[in-house]
């Protein structure tokens, strides 16, 4: 039962939730174990599992069911890996941009909005650029594809700027309806998701071309917000605002194109592109969350005397982060999480720097460390609507 339970908790640790909250809330842990026991009883009744005293084994039928389940998991993992390939992202970009252009072009023609028309033209070019990125990656010509992307971005910005300025001298009153607004809002939502997808895979694979496209997708979101402002201005009989929005959009595209051109020139001179400039804040926050969770969990190990020395703490943490021992995690391709020892070393160093751990003949939790655990217990207790029993022992130790 303990081994089966551990497989469930391994999923939480793999996602970064290291703190064993069940140790603080025995009632919840008992409920979980009761439900797990009931599920195992159902598997025994189905004939999928055999129970021999306190041990469980798969029957022949159960082994077949488990194999089919793992096969499905591996298929899902292969699909996920394919989605993380640069070529796949490029294909998705082609389809998405062509669909958005097909949606926005009729709206731009019907409304006469220069901002929306410029955005539509840029979307069409993005579909073409995604196609070029695909071939560039496929035939190892990614740099050439990136150069074309930047040139197209500069050309689009220049033409958009010319047309927007022209509207100041040749005013045109846009015709706006619900379809125009719907096309703009849907475009912004899709580009937001697409940009995140492109940026993540671009950073993961070191693809500057995909990062360039992600920046363009981000620009589309800003552009669409401006277009909607221009459409609202047209409803309020202030059509010149649409021309002003068009100028802003064009300037934004030009600025982005110039910045990327500078990056291309720098990389050509032999300097490696610094992709850290394009790191996503969300993933950074998630990595920091995992690090904090691991640090607090190691503090808990010392507090409960499961680790009395640095070597024991390192060994316990290494075992807990060895996900390759869990079949389902291996099938998902999540067995190796990378940088495990760096995370553990940083966590131990943080505990000493924060003054939460002290080391004499053995590791000891300091008064500040116990106060931190007490604070965490209260915070989680408020979130879950109950008091955790760890709070009183911590207070007693603090008084001692």
Protein backbone atom coordinates (compact mmCIF):
# COMPACT_ATOMS: atom_id res chain seq x y z
CA UNK A 1 0.00 0.00 0.00
CA UNK A 2 2.85 2.39 0.82
CA UNK A 3 4.42 1.83 -2.60
CA UNK A 4 1.09 2.40 -4.36
CA UNK A 5 0.51 5.56 -2.32
CA UNK A 6 3.98 6.84 -3.20
CA UNK A 7 3.18 6.64 -6.92
CA UNK A 8 0.31 9.10 -6.40
CA UNK A 9 2.42 11.56 -4.40
CA UNK A 10 5.19 11.37 -7.01
CA UNK A 11 2.87 13.12 -9.50
CA UNK A 12 2.49 16.07 -7.14
CA UNK A 13 6.24 16.31 -6.59
CA UNK A 14 6.86 16.18 -10.35
CA UNK A 15 4.61 19.22 -10.72
CA UNK A 16 6.57 21.01 -8.02
CA UNK A 17 4.33 20.39 -4.99
CA UNK A 18 6.91 18.88 -2.63
CA UNK A 19 5.37 19.87 0.70
CA UNK A 20 3.71 16.75 2.18
CA UNK A 21 0.54 18.47 3.39
CA UNK A 22 -0.94 15.10 4.39
CA UNK A 23 1.57 15.05 7.25
CA UNK A 24 -0.04 18.22 8.61
CA UNK A 25 -3.65 17.11 8.08
CA UNK A 26 -4.00 13.46 9.14
CA UNK A 27 -7.77 13.54 8.60
CA UNK A 28 -7.29 14.28 4.88
CA UNK A 29 -4.57 11.63 4.64
CA UNK A 30 -6.85 9.04 6.26
CA UNK A 31 -9.64 9.87 3.81
CA UNK A 32 -7.24 9.53 0.88
CA UNK A 33 -5.95 6.17 2.11
CA UNK A 34 -9.50 4.94 2.70
CA UNK A 35 -10.52 5.85 -0.86
CA UNK A 36 -7.35 4.23 -2.23
CA UNK A 37 -8.14 1.03 -0.33
CA UNK A 38 -11.70 1.04 -1.68
CA UNK A 39 -10.44 1.45 -5.24
CA UNK A 40 -8.07 -1.48 -4.78
CA UNK A 41 -10.96 -3.58 -3.45
CA UNK A 42 -12.90 -2.80 -6.64
CA UNK A 43 -9.92 -3.91 -8.75
CA UNK A 44 -9.78 -7.15 -6.75
CA UNK A 45 -13.52 -7.70 -7.37
CA UNK A 46 -12.98 -7.10 -11.12
CA UNK A 47 -10.27 -9.74 -11.12
CA UNK A 48 -7.57 -7.28 -12.23
CA UNK A 49 -5.63 -7.39 -8.95
CA UNK A 50 -4.77 -10.23 -6.58
CA UNK A 51 -4.33 -9.52 -2.86
CA UNK A 52 -1.86 -11.70 -0.96
CA UNK A 53 -1.84 -10.56 2.65
CA UNK A 54 -0.58 -6.95 2.55
CA UNK A 55 0.79 -7.22 -0.98
CA UNK A 56 -0.98 -6.61 -4.28
CA UNK A 57 -0.11 -8.16 -7.64
CA UNK A 58 -1.61 -7.84 -11.12
CA UNK A 59 -3.62 -10.75 -12.48
CA UNK A 60 -3.20 -11.73 -16.13
CA UNK A 61 -6.25 -9.65 -17.08
CA UNK A 62 -4.98 -6.78 -14.95
CA UNK A 63 -1.57 -6.93 -16.63
CA UNK A 64 -3.28 -6.66 -20.03
CA UNK A 65 -5.35 -3.69 -18.84
CA UNK A 66 -2.24 -1.97 -17.45
CA UNK A 67 -0.37 -2.53 -20.73
CA UNK A 68 -3.22 -0.99 -22.72
CA UNK A 69 -3.32 1.98 -20.35
CA UNK A 70 0.43 2.56 -20.61
CA UNK A 71 0.22 2.29 -24.40
CA UNK A 72 -2.37 5.08 -24.39
CA UNK A 73 -0.18 7.17 -22.11
CA UNK A 74 2.83 6.70 -24.40
CA UNK A 75 0.74 7.71 -27.41
CA UNK A 76 -0.35 10.89 -25.64
CA UNK A 77 3.29 11.57 -24.69
CA UNK A 78 4.38 11.18 -28.33
CA UNK A 79 1.69 13.65 -29.37
CA UNK A 80 2.88 16.11 -26.72
CA UNK A 81 6.50 15.73 -27.87
CA UNK A 82 5.45 16.34 -31.48
CA UNK A 83 3.64 19.51 -30.44
CA UNK A 84 6.90 20.75 -28.89
CA UNK A 85 8.80 20.41 -32.18
CA UNK A 86 9.62 23.66 -34.08
CA UNK A 87 8.32 22.20 -37.36
CA UNK A 88 4.95 21.47 -35.74
CA UNK A 89 4.72 25.01 -34.36
CA UNK A 90 5.37 26.40 -37.84
CA UNK A 91 2.60 24.24 -39.34
CA UNK A 92 0.19 25.38 -36.63
CA UNK A 93 1.20 29.00 -37.33
CA UNK A 94 0.43 28.68 -41.04
CA UNK A 95 -3.05 27.27 -40.40
CA UNK A 96 -3.91 29.75 -37.63
CA UNK A 97 -2.78 32.85 -39.53
CA UNK A 98 -4.60 31.86 -42.71
CA UNK A 99 -7.80 31.22 -40.74
CA UNK A 100 -7.48 34.58 -38.95
CA UNK A 101 -6.83 36.38 -42.23
CA UNK A 102 -9.91 34.75 -43.76
CA UNK A 103 -11.91 36.04 -40.79
CA UNK A 104 -10.47 39.56 -40.62
CA UNK A 105 -10.24 40.43 -44.32
CA UNK A 106 -14.02 40.58 -44.91
CA UNK A 107 -14.38 42.60 -41.70
CA UNK A 108 -11.67 45.05 -42.83
CA UNK A 109 -13.27 45.46 -46.28
CA UNK A 110 -16.77 45.96 -44.87
CA UNK A 111 -15.68 48.41 -42.19
CA UNK A 112 -13.00 50.28 -44.15
CA UNK A 113 -10.86 50.42 -41.00
CA UNK A 114 -7.23 51.11 -41.95
CA UNK A 115 -6.07 49.73 -38.61
CA UNK A 116 -7.90 46.44 -39.16
CA UNK A 117 -6.80 46.31 -42.80
CA UNK A 118 -3.12 46.73 -41.79
CA UNK A 119 -3.56 44.05 -39.16
CA UNK A 120 -5.10 41.69 -41.75
CA UNK A 121 -2.22 42.27 -44.17
CA UNK A 122 0.24 41.57 -41.39
CA UNK A 123 -1.63 38.36 -40.54
CA UNK A 124 -1.42 37.18 -44.16
CA UNK A 125 2.30 37.86 -44.18
CA UNK A 126 2.63 35.96 -40.91
CA UNK A 127 1.03 32.94 -42.56
CA UNK A 128 3.63 33.16 -45.31
CA UNK A 129 6.42 33.68 -42.79
CA UNK A 130 5.31 30.60 -40.81
CA UNK A 131 5.59 28.61 -44.03
CA UNK A 132 9.12 29.93 -44.59
CA UNK A 133 10.09 29.13 -41.01
CA UNK A 134 8.86 25.57 -41.54
CA UNK A 135 11.04 25.09 -44.62
CA UNK A 136 13.93 26.93 -42.96
CA UNK A 137 13.87 24.53 -39.99
CA UNK A 138 13.29 21.48 -42.17
CA UNK A 139 16.22 22.24 -44.48
CA UNK A 140 18.52 23.77 -41.84
CA UNK A 141 18.12 27.30 -43.19
CA UNK A 142 16.61 28.85 -40.10
CA UNK A 143 18.83 31.94 -40.16
CA UNK A 144 17.82 32.71 -43.75
CA UNK A 145 14.15 32.31 -42.78
CA UNK A 146 14.67 34.65 -39.84
CA UNK A 147 16.22 37.31 -42.10
CA UNK A 148 13.19 37.14 -44.41
CA UNK A 149 10.86 37.39 -41.40
CA UNK A 150 12.54 40.59 -40.23
CA UNK A 151 12.52 42.11 -43.74
CA UNK A 152 8.82 41.33 -44.12
CA UNK A 153 8.13 42.87 -40.73
CA UNK A 154 9.95 46.06 -41.74
CA UNK A 155 8.13 46.16 -45.10
CA UNK A 156 4.74 45.68 -43.44
CA UNK A 157 5.47 48.41 -40.92
CA UNK A 158 6.65 50.82 -43.62
CA UNK A 159 3.60 50.29 -45.86
CA UNK A 160 1.25 50.51 -42.89
CA UNK A 161 2.85 53.76 -41.79
CA UNK A 162 2.47 55.25 -45.28
CA UNK A 163 -1.19 54.27 -45.55
CA UNK A 164 -2.03 55.51 -42.04
CA UNK A 165 -0.40 58.92 -42.61
CA UNK A 166 -2.23 59.16 -45.93
CA UNK A 167 -5.53 58.82 -44.08
CA UNK A 168 -4.82 62.06 -42.19
CA UNK A 169 -5.03 63.88 -45.52
CA UNK A 170 -7.71 61.72 -47.13
CA UNK A 171 -10.12 60.96 -44.28
CA UNK A 172 -12.46 57.99 -44.48
CA UNK A 173 -15.27 57.16 -42.11
CA UNK A 174 -15.30 53.47 -41.19
CA UNK A 175 -18.45 51.38 -41.07
CA UNK A 176 -18.47 49.26 -37.92
CA UNK A 177 -20.71 46.33 -36.98
CA UNK A 178 -20.70 43.42 -34.55
CA UNK A 179 -18.82 41.17 -37.00
CA UNK A 180 -15.89 43.62 -37.05
CA UNK A 181 -15.64 43.62 -33.26
CA UNK A 182 -15.98 39.83 -33.08
CA UNK A 183 -13.22 39.31 -35.65
CA UNK A 184 -10.87 41.64 -33.74
CA UNK A 185 -11.51 40.12 -30.30
CA UNK A 186 -11.18 36.54 -31.55
CA UNK A 187 -7.95 37.44 -33.35
CA UNK A 188 -6.44 38.88 -30.15
CA UNK A 189 -7.34 35.78 -28.09
CA UNK A 190 -5.93 33.35 -30.66
CA UNK A 191 -2.71 35.36 -31.13
CA UNK A 192 -2.17 35.50 -27.37
CA UNK A 193 -2.25 31.69 -27.11
CA UNK A 194 -0.22 31.23 -30.29
CA UNK A 195 2.46 33.66 -29.12
CA UNK A 196 2.87 31.81 -25.82
CA UNK A 197 3.14 28.49 -27.70
CA UNK A 198 5.73 29.87 -30.15
CA UNK A 199 7.80 31.52 -27.41
CA UNK A 200 7.84 28.40 -25.20
CA UNK A 201 8.91 26.04 -28.00
CA UNK A 202 11.34 28.63 -29.39
CA UNK A 203 13.09 28.96 -26.04
CA UNK A 204 13.03 25.21 -25.43
CA UNK A 205 14.68 24.50 -28.79
CA UNK A 206 16.80 27.65 -29.11
CA UNK A 207 14.95 28.73 -32.27
CA UNK A 208 15.31 32.47 -32.90
CA UNK A 209 12.87 32.25 -35.84
CA UNK A 210 10.09 30.98 -33.57
CA UNK A 211 10.90 33.63 -30.97
CA UNK A 212 10.63 36.28 -33.72
CA UNK A 213 7.21 34.93 -34.64
CA UNK A 214 6.14 34.93 -30.99
CA UNK A 215 7.05 38.62 -30.77
CA UNK A 216 4.95 39.28 -33.86
CA UNK A 217 2.04 37.37 -32.31
CA UNK A 218 2.39 39.50 -29.17
CA UNK A 219 2.34 42.60 -31.36
CA UNK A 220 -0.91 41.38 -32.89
CA UNK A 221 -2.55 41.43 -29.47
CA UNK A 222 -1.46 45.03 -28.91
CA UNK A 223 -2.41 45.91 -32.47
CA UNK A 224 -5.88 44.43 -32.08
CA UNK A 225 -6.46 46.43 -28.90
CA UNK A 226 -5.60 49.55 -30.90
CA UNK A 227 -7.85 48.50 -33.76
CA UNK A 228 -10.78 48.04 -31.38
CA UNK A 229 -10.11 51.54 -29.98
CA UNK A 230 -10.17 52.88 -33.53
CA UNK A 231 -13.45 51.10 -34.26
CA UNK A 232 -15.00 52.57 -31.13
CA UNK A 233 -13.76 56.01 -32.22
CA UNK A 234 -15.48 55.51 -35.57
CA UNK A 235 -18.74 54.76 -33.78
CA UNK A 236 -18.26 58.03 -31.90
CA UNK A 237 -17.70 59.86 -35.21
CA UNK A 238 -14.00 60.47 -34.62
CA UNK A 239 -12.49 58.66 -37.65
CA UNK A 240 -9.06 60.33 -37.42
CA UNK A 241 -8.35 58.23 -34.33
CA UNK A 242 -8.37 55.17 -36.61
CA UNK A 243 -5.58 56.77 -38.67
CA UNK A 244 -3.67 57.55 -35.49
CA UNK A 245 -4.05 53.93 -34.35
CA UNK A 246 -2.75 52.82 -37.75
CA UNK A 247 0.35 55.00 -37.28
CA UNK A 248 0.97 53.54 -33.81
CA UNK A 249 0.61 49.99 -35.14
CA UNK A 250 3.05 50.68 -37.96
CA UNK A 251 5.60 52.27 -35.59
CA UNK A 252 5.33 49.27 -33.23
CA UNK A 253 5.97 46.84 -36.11
CA UNK A 254 8.90 48.93 -37.36
CA UNK A 255 10.47 49.15 -33.90
CA UNK A 256 10.20 45.40 -33.40
CA UNK A 257 11.68 44.77 -36.85
CA UNK A 258 14.63 47.09 -36.17
CA UNK A 259 15.35 45.45 -32.79
CA UNK A 260 15.32 41.99 -34.36
CA UNK A 261 17.50 43.18 -37.26
CA UNK A 262 20.08 44.41 -34.74
CA UNK A 263 19.98 41.00 -33.04
CA UNK A 264 20.55 39.30 -36.40
CA UNK A 265 23.52 41.50 -37.22
CA UNK A 266 25.03 40.85 -33.79
CA UNK A 267 24.65 37.08 -34.19
CA UNK A 268 26.25 37.24 -37.65
CA UNK A 269 29.34 38.91 -36.21
CA UNK A 270 29.90 35.81 -34.08
CA UNK A 271 28.12 36.85 -30.89
CA UNK A 272 25.63 34.22 -29.76
CA UNK A 273 22.05 35.42 -29.47
CA UNK A 274 21.08 35.96 -25.84
CA UNK A 275 17.69 34.23 -25.64
CA UNK A 276 17.35 35.13 -21.95
CA UNK A 277 16.01 38.52 -23.10
CA UNK A 278 12.94 36.68 -24.38
CA UNK A 279 12.33 34.45 -21.34
CA UNK A 280 8.71 34.19 -20.23
CA UNK A 281 7.93 35.53 -16.79
CA UNK A 282 5.31 32.86 -16.15
CA UNK A 283 7.74 29.96 -16.52
CA UNK A 284 10.27 31.77 -14.35
CA UNK A 285 7.69 32.17 -11.59
CA UNK A 286 6.76 28.50 -11.86
CA UNK A 287 10.42 27.44 -11.57
CA UNK A 288 10.77 29.65 -8.50
CA UNK A 289 7.60 28.11 -7.01
CA UNK A 290 9.06 24.62 -7.43
CA UNK A 291 12.32 25.71 -5.85
CA UNK A 292 10.54 27.20 -2.83
CA UNK A 293 8.39 24.10 -2.42
CA UNK A 294 11.48 21.86 -2.48
CA UNK A 295 13.28 24.10 0.03
CA UNK A 296 10.38 24.04 2.51
CA UNK A 297 10.00 20.29 2.10
CA UNK A 298 13.66 19.72 2.97
CA UNK A 299 13.17 21.90 6.04
CA UNK A 300 10.29 19.61 7.00
CA UNK A 301 12.53 16.53 6.56
CA UNK A 302 14.96 17.91 9.11
CA UNK A 303 12.17 18.92 11.47
CA UNK A 304 10.70 15.39 11.46
CA UNK A 305 14.20 13.84 11.87
CA UNK A 306 13.98 12.05 8.51
CA UNK A 307 17.30 13.69 7.64
CA UNK A 308 19.85 14.49 10.38
CA UNK A 309 22.90 15.22 8.22
CA UNK A 310 23.60 16.99 4.93
CA UNK A 311 24.39 13.65 3.30
CA UNK A 312 21.08 12.16 4.51
CA UNK A 313 19.16 15.25 3.37
CA UNK A 314 20.80 15.10 -0.05
CA UNK A 315 20.07 11.37 -0.37
CA UNK A 316 16.41 11.73 0.69
CA UNK A 317 15.82 14.63 -1.68
CA UNK A 318 17.58 12.82 -4.55
CA UNK A 319 15.40 9.76 -4.00
CA UNK A 320 12.23 11.87 -3.97
CA UNK A 321 13.23 13.57 -7.24
CA UNK A 322 14.15 10.34 -9.02
CA UNK A 323 10.97 10.10 -11.09
CA UNK A 324 12.35 7.51 -13.48
CA UNK A 325 11.30 4.83 -10.99
CA UNK A 326 7.58 5.47 -11.63
CA UNK A 327 6.18 3.65 -14.72
CA UNK A 328 3.43 6.12 -15.62
CA UNK A 329 5.76 9.14 -15.30
CA UNK A 330 8.27 7.32 -17.52
CA UNK A 331 5.53 6.62 -20.06
CA UNK A 332 4.64 10.32 -20.09
CA UNK A 333 8.29 11.15 -20.68
CA UNK A 334 8.49 12.90 -17.29
CA UNK A 335 11.01 10.57 -15.68
CA UNK A 336 14.00 12.88 -16.11
CA UNK A 337 13.30 16.43 -14.97
CA UNK A 338 16.89 17.72 -15.34
CA UNK A 339 18.93 19.97 -13.03
CA UNK A 340 17.88 17.90 -10.01
CA UNK A 341 21.15 18.21 -8.10
CA UNK A 342 21.31 21.97 -8.80
CA UNK A 343 17.84 22.42 -7.32
CA UNK A 344 18.71 20.40 -4.21
CA UNK A 345 22.02 22.20 -3.65
CA UNK A 346 20.36 25.58 -4.05
CA UNK A 347 17.58 24.58 -1.64
CA UNK A 348 20.06 23.52 1.07
CA UNK A 349 22.11 26.68 0.58
CA UNK A 350 18.96 28.82 0.86
CA UNK A 351 17.98 27.15 4.14
CA UNK A 352 21.31 28.10 5.72
CA UNK A 353 21.38 31.60 4.20
CA UNK A 354 17.87 32.30 5.53
CA UNK A 355 18.94 31.10 8.97
CA UNK A 356 16.35 28.32 9.07
CA UNK A 357 18.88 25.49 9.46
CA UNK A 358 21.85 25.17 11.77
CA UNK A 359 24.52 22.49 11.74
CA UNK A 360 26.48 21.26 14.72
CA UNK A 361 26.89 17.52 15.03
CA UNK A 362 23.63 17.18 13.11
CA UNK A 363 21.17 19.41 11.28
CA UNK A 364 18.79 21.40 13.46
CA UNK A 365 15.84 23.63 12.58
CA UNK A 366 16.36 27.08 14.09
CA UNK A 367 13.76 29.23 15.84
CA UNK A 368 13.32 31.21 12.59
CA UNK A 369 12.84 27.95 10.66
CA UNK A 370 10.15 26.74 13.05
CA UNK A 371 8.43 30.10 12.83
CA UNK A 372 8.41 29.79 9.03
CA UNK A 373 6.87 26.30 9.18
CA UNK A 374 4.28 27.55 11.64
CA UNK A 375 3.41 30.42 9.32
CA UNK A 376 3.13 28.02 6.37
CA UNK A 377 0.88 25.67 8.38
CA UNK A 378 -1.45 28.56 9.29
CA UNK A 379 -1.54 29.82 5.70
CA UNK A 380 -2.37 26.44 4.21
CA UNK A 381 -4.87 25.84 7.00
CA UNK A 382 -6.71 29.07 6.11
CA UNK A 383 -6.71 28.07 2.43
CA UNK A 384 -8.16 24.64 3.23
CA UNK A 385 -10.52 25.86 5.93
CA UNK A 386 -9.03 23.90 8.83
CA UNK A 387 -6.33 23.99 11.46
CA UNK A 388 -3.28 21.81 11.06
CA UNK A 389 -2.03 19.88 14.05
CA UNK A 390 1.60 20.79 13.34
CA UNK A 391 0.99 24.29 14.67
CA UNK A 392 0.87 23.31 18.36
CA UNK A 393 4.05 21.20 18.39
CA UNK A 394 5.86 24.01 16.62
CA UNK A 395 4.70 26.46 19.28
CA UNK A 396 5.80 24.08 22.01
CA UNK A 397 9.25 23.72 20.48
CA UNK A 398 9.49 27.47 20.07
CA UNK A 399 8.67 27.95 23.78
CA UNK A 400 11.23 25.30 24.64
